[in-house]
Protein backbone atom coordinates (compact mmCIF):
# COMPACT_ATOMS: atom_id res chain seq x y z
CA UNK A 1 23.83 -141.43 -63.92
CA UNK A 2 21.99 -142.44 -66.76
CA UNK A 3 20.20 -145.51 -65.46
CA UNK A 4 18.98 -142.95 -62.76
CA UNK A 5 16.97 -141.18 -64.34
CA UNK A 6 15.88 -143.79 -66.46
CA UNK A 7 14.11 -145.12 -63.19
CA UNK A 8 10.84 -145.11 -62.78
CA UNK A 9 10.58 -144.13 -59.10
CA UNK A 10 12.98 -140.98 -59.78
CA UNK A 11 10.15 -139.84 -62.18
CA UNK A 12 7.12 -140.86 -59.62
CA UNK A 13 9.74 -139.27 -56.83
CA UNK A 14 10.19 -135.95 -58.60
CA UNK A 15 6.64 -135.85 -59.20
CA UNK A 16 5.84 -136.57 -55.42
CA UNK A 17 8.50 -133.68 -54.25
CA UNK A 18 7.09 -130.85 -56.96
CA UNK A 19 3.29 -131.63 -56.02
CA UNK A 20 4.57 -131.46 -52.06
CA UNK A 21 6.18 -128.37 -52.84
CA UNK A 22 4.10 -126.13 -55.30
CA UNK A 23 0.18 -128.08 -56.07
CA UNK A 24 -0.47 -129.36 -52.52
CA UNK A 25 -2.77 -127.25 -49.74
CA UNK A 26 -0.12 -127.59 -47.27
CA UNK A 27 2.59 -126.64 -49.90
CA UNK A 28 5.88 -124.60 -48.76
CA UNK A 29 4.17 -121.74 -50.39
CA UNK A 30 0.81 -122.00 -48.46
CA UNK A 31 2.97 -122.41 -45.39
CA UNK A 32 4.92 -119.33 -46.82
CA UNK A 33 1.72 -116.68 -46.90
CA UNK A 34 0.16 -118.83 -43.46
CA UNK A 35 3.23 -117.86 -41.68
CA UNK A 36 3.69 -113.87 -42.72
CA UNK A 37 -0.27 -113.71 -42.01
CA UNK A 38 0.60 -115.02 -38.71
CA UNK A 39 3.35 -112.35 -38.27
CA UNK A 40 0.98 -109.68 -39.43
CA UNK A 41 -1.95 -110.38 -37.00
CA UNK A 42 0.42 -111.06 -34.22
CA UNK A 43 1.32 -107.28 -34.50
CA UNK A 44 -1.93 -106.24 -35.16
CA UNK A 45 -2.53 -108.20 -31.38
CA UNK A 46 0.33 -106.33 -29.67
CA UNK A 47 -0.70 -102.79 -31.06
CA UNK A 48 -4.59 -103.09 -29.83
CA UNK A 49 -2.98 -104.23 -27.00
CA UNK A 50 -1.21 -101.22 -26.04
CA UNK A 51 -4.22 -99.41 -27.43
CA UNK A 52 -6.15 -101.11 -24.72
CA UNK A 53 -3.76 -100.69 -21.92
CA UNK A 54 -3.43 -96.84 -22.74
CA UNK A 55 -7.07 -96.54 -22.68
CA UNK A 56 -7.75 -98.50 -19.51
CA UNK A 57 -5.28 -96.50 -17.39
CA UNK A 58 -7.27 -92.94 -19.13
CA UNK A 59 -10.63 -94.44 -18.19
CA UNK A 60 -9.04 -94.86 -14.76
CA UNK A 61 -7.67 -91.18 -14.51
CA UNK A 62 -11.10 -90.04 -15.86
CA UNK A 63 -12.88 -91.70 -12.92
CA UNK A 64 -11.19 -91.25 -10.55
CA UNK A 65 -10.56 -87.52 -11.20
CA UNK A 66 -12.80 -84.60 -11.62
CA UNK A 67 -10.98 -82.39 -13.02
CA UNK A 68 -8.83 -84.98 -15.89
CA UNK A 69 -12.42 -85.72 -16.97
CA UNK A 70 -13.95 -81.88 -17.10
CA UNK A 71 -10.33 -80.91 -19.39
CA UNK A 72 -11.55 -84.13 -21.43
CA UNK A 73 -14.63 -83.04 -21.81
CA UNK A 74 -13.99 -79.52 -22.79
CA UNK A 75 -11.09 -80.08 -25.32
CA UNK A 76 -13.05 -83.12 -27.03
CA UNK A 77 -16.38 -82.51 -26.83
CA UNK A 78 -17.00 -78.60 -26.32
CA UNK A 79 -18.37 -78.33 -23.27
CA UNK A 80 -18.92 -75.07 -21.29
CA UNK A 81 -20.32 -73.90 -18.44
CA UNK A 82 -22.94 -71.34 -18.46
CA UNK A 83 -21.02 -67.88 -17.96
CA UNK A 84 -18.37 -68.98 -20.35
CA UNK A 85 -18.26 -68.71 -24.39
CA UNK A 86 -15.98 -71.30 -26.56
CA UNK A 87 -13.85 -70.18 -29.42
CA UNK A 88 -13.05 -73.20 -31.51
CA UNK A 89 -10.06 -72.48 -33.19
CA UNK A 90 -8.89 -74.95 -36.52
CA UNK A 91 -5.16 -75.28 -37.38
CA UNK A 92 -4.96 -75.89 -41.26
CA UNK A 93 -2.55 -78.00 -43.09
């Protein structure tokens, strides 16, 4: 066993292993961080794809239904007809 630790190939191999695990640009630490970034980006991608689907369905409804378009304009842009008054009620949190 003592001969094993006095062998120069052991030290070279051990140094190479340490280099590959921690110091190299493709080390395990860097690979872990990159895989974590990939997971985060995939979650963001799913979120944005869901939002795109919601917005496309809303756009389709607004382009085909004038009542929904009028409701959307009244609620979001406070639009009104000529003979109406609009009262904006703001709720405080």
